[in-house]
Amino acid sequence: MKYLVLAVVVLAVLWLLRGKRGTPRPPGGATKPPQTMVACAHCGVHLPRGEAVAGADGLYCSEAHRLAQGDRG
């Protein structure tokens, strides 16, 4: 019985140590800053500003939605 308890304790310690590693972080905290979320003027879906397609009448999630809205600019 004492070997079973010892095995459970050893496995728990190994599991906790493995969990401490987690996901690797970039050195020096070089993470990307959060981006502003914008809504597509045609369908309303939210997407990061950097991925949006700009038109004369607003921002769109794709070139197809820009054209579907009638925005030629």
C-alpha atoms as a PDB file:
ATOM      1  CA  MET A   1       0.000   0.000   0.000  1.00  0.00           C
ATOM      2  CA  LYS A   2       2.828   2.386   0.834  1.00  0.00           C
ATOM      3  CA  TYR A   3       4.303   1.834  -2.656  1.00  0.00           C
ATOM      4  CA  LEU A   4       1.014   2.801  -4.248  1.00  0.00           C
ATOM      5  CA  VAL A   5       0.913   6.056  -2.251  1.00  0.00           C
ATOM      6  CA  LEU A   6       4.555   6.733  -3.129  1.00  0.00           C
ATOM      7  CA  ALA A   7       3.848   6.124  -6.836  1.00  0.00           C
ATOM      8  CA  VAL A   8       0.864   8.510  -6.739  1.00  0.00           C
ATOM      9  CA  VAL A   9       2.978  11.211  -5.072  1.00  0.00           C
ATOM     10  CA  VAL A  10       5.814  10.794  -7.610  1.00  0.00           C
ATOM     11  CA  LEU A  11       3.367  10.952 -10.533  1.00  0.00           C
ATOM     12  CA  ALA A  12       1.688  14.052  -9.089  1.00  0.00           C
ATOM     13  CA  VAL A  13       5.053  15.812  -8.718  1.00  0.00           C
ATOM     14  CA  LEU A  14       6.038  14.917 -12.286  1.00  0.00           C
ATOM     15  CA  TRP A  15       2.667  16.118 -13.581  1.00  0.00           C
ATOM     16  CA  LEU A  16       3.021  19.453 -11.751  1.00  0.00           C
ATOM     17  CA  LEU A  17       6.579  19.965 -13.016  1.00  0.00           C
ATOM     18  CA  ARG A  18       5.486  19.225 -16.575  1.00  0.00           C
ATOM     19  CA  GLY A  19       2.665  21.744 -16.267  1.00  0.00           C
ATOM     20  CA  LYS A  20       5.051  24.491 -15.113  1.00  0.00           C
ATOM     21  CA  ARG A  21       6.765  24.537 -18.506  1.00  0.00           C
ATOM     22  CA  GLY A  22       3.536  25.456 -20.274  1.00  0.00           C
ATOM     23  CA  THR A  23       3.751  27.223 -23.589  1.00  0.00           C
ATOM     24  CA  PRO A  24       7.102  28.750 -24.444  1.00  0.00           C
ATOM     25  CA  ARG A  25       7.232  32.544 -24.351  1.00  0.00           C
ATOM     26  CA  PRO A  26       9.277  34.669 -26.711  1.00  0.00           C
ATOM     27  CA  PRO A  27      12.489  36.022 -25.187  1.00  0.00           C
ATOM     28  CA  GLY A  28      12.272  39.507 -23.751  1.00  0.00           C
ATOM     29  CA  GLY A  29       8.482  39.575 -23.824  1.00  0.00           C
ATOM     30  CA  ALA A  30       8.405  40.223 -27.573  1.00  0.00           C
ATOM     31  CA  THR A  31       4.699  39.602 -28.028  1.00  0.00           C
ATOM     32  CA  LYS A  32       2.487  41.354 -30.535  1.00  0.00           C
ATOM     33  CA  PRO A  33       0.338  44.128 -29.089  1.00  0.00           C
ATOM     34  CA  PRO A  34      -3.415  43.579 -29.341  1.00  0.00           C
ATOM     35  CA  GLN A  35      -5.092  44.948 -32.452  1.00  0.00           C
ATOM     36  CA  THR A  36      -8.250  46.998 -32.641  1.00  0.00           C
ATOM     37  CA  MET A  37     -11.256  44.959 -33.744  1.00  0.00           C
ATOM     38  CA  VAL A  38     -13.463  46.416 -36.488  1.00  0.00           C
ATOM     39  CA  ALA A  39     -16.788  45.300 -37.966  1.00  0.00           C
ATOM     40  CA  CYS A  40     -17.331  44.566 -41.657  1.00  0.00           C
ATOM     41  CA  ALA A  41     -19.622  47.206 -43.170  1.00  0.00           C
ATOM     42  CA  HIS A  42     -21.416  44.507 -45.202  1.00  0.00           C
ATOM     43  CA  CYS A  43     -21.950  41.517 -42.892  1.00  0.00           C
ATOM     44  CA  GLY A  44     -20.968  42.857 -39.461  1.00  0.00           C
ATOM     45  CA  VAL A  45     -18.368  40.200 -38.654  1.00  0.00           C
ATOM     46  CA  HIS A  46     -15.573  41.443 -36.358  1.00  0.00           C
ATOM     47  CA  LEU A  47     -11.947  41.074 -37.409  1.00  0.00           C
ATOM     48  CA  PRO A  48      -8.568  42.625 -36.544  1.00  0.00           C
ATOM     49  CA  ARG A  49      -7.970  45.998 -38.188  1.00  0.00           C
ATOM     50  CA  GLY A  50      -4.810  44.683 -39.852  1.00  0.00           C
ATOM     51  CA  GLU A  51      -6.798  42.046 -41.769  1.00  0.00           C
ATOM     52  CA  ALA A  52      -9.609  44.367 -42.904  1.00  0.00           C
ATOM     53  CA  VAL A  53      -9.996  45.525 -46.509  1.00  0.00           C
ATOM     54  CA  ALA A  54     -10.411  49.311 -46.653  1.00  0.00           C
ATOM     55  CA  GLY A  55     -12.929  50.892 -48.954  1.00  0.00           C
ATOM     56  CA  ALA A  56     -14.232  54.432 -49.455  1.00  0.00           C
ATOM     57  CA  ASP A  57     -17.336  53.703 -47.369  1.00  0.00           C
ATOM     58  CA  GLY A  58     -15.800  51.619 -44.588  1.00  0.00           C
ATOM     59  CA  LEU A  59     -13.887  48.473 -43.695  1.00  0.00           C
ATOM     60  CA  TYR A  60     -14.743  45.000 -44.982  1.00  0.00           C
ATOM     61  CA  CYS A  61     -13.796  41.425 -44.130  1.00  0.00           C
ATOM     62  CA  SER A  62     -13.005  40.611 -47.767  1.00  0.00           C
ATOM     63  CA  GLU A  63     -12.707  42.143 -51.203  1.00  0.00           C
ATOM     64  CA  ALA A  64     -15.909  40.326 -52.221  1.00  0.00           C
ATOM     65  CA  HIS A  65     -17.897  42.069 -49.479  1.00  0.00           C
ATOM     66  CA  ARG A  66     -16.450  45.436 -50.468  1.00  0.00           C
ATOM     67  CA  LEU A  67     -17.651  44.884 -54.022  1.00  0.00           C
ATOM     68  CA  ALA A  68     -21.017  43.457 -52.885  1.00  0.00           C
ATOM     69  CA  GLN A  69     -21.646  46.619 -50.864  1.00  0.00           C
ATOM     70  CA  GLY A  70     -21.049  48.710 -54.001  1.00  0.00           C
ATOM     71  CA  ASP A  71     -17.896  50.313 -52.648  1.00  0.00           C
ATOM     72  CA  ARG A  72     -15.636  50.846 -55.666  1.00  0.00           C
ATOM     73  CA  GLY A  73     -13.137  53.101 -53.912  1.00  0.00           C
END
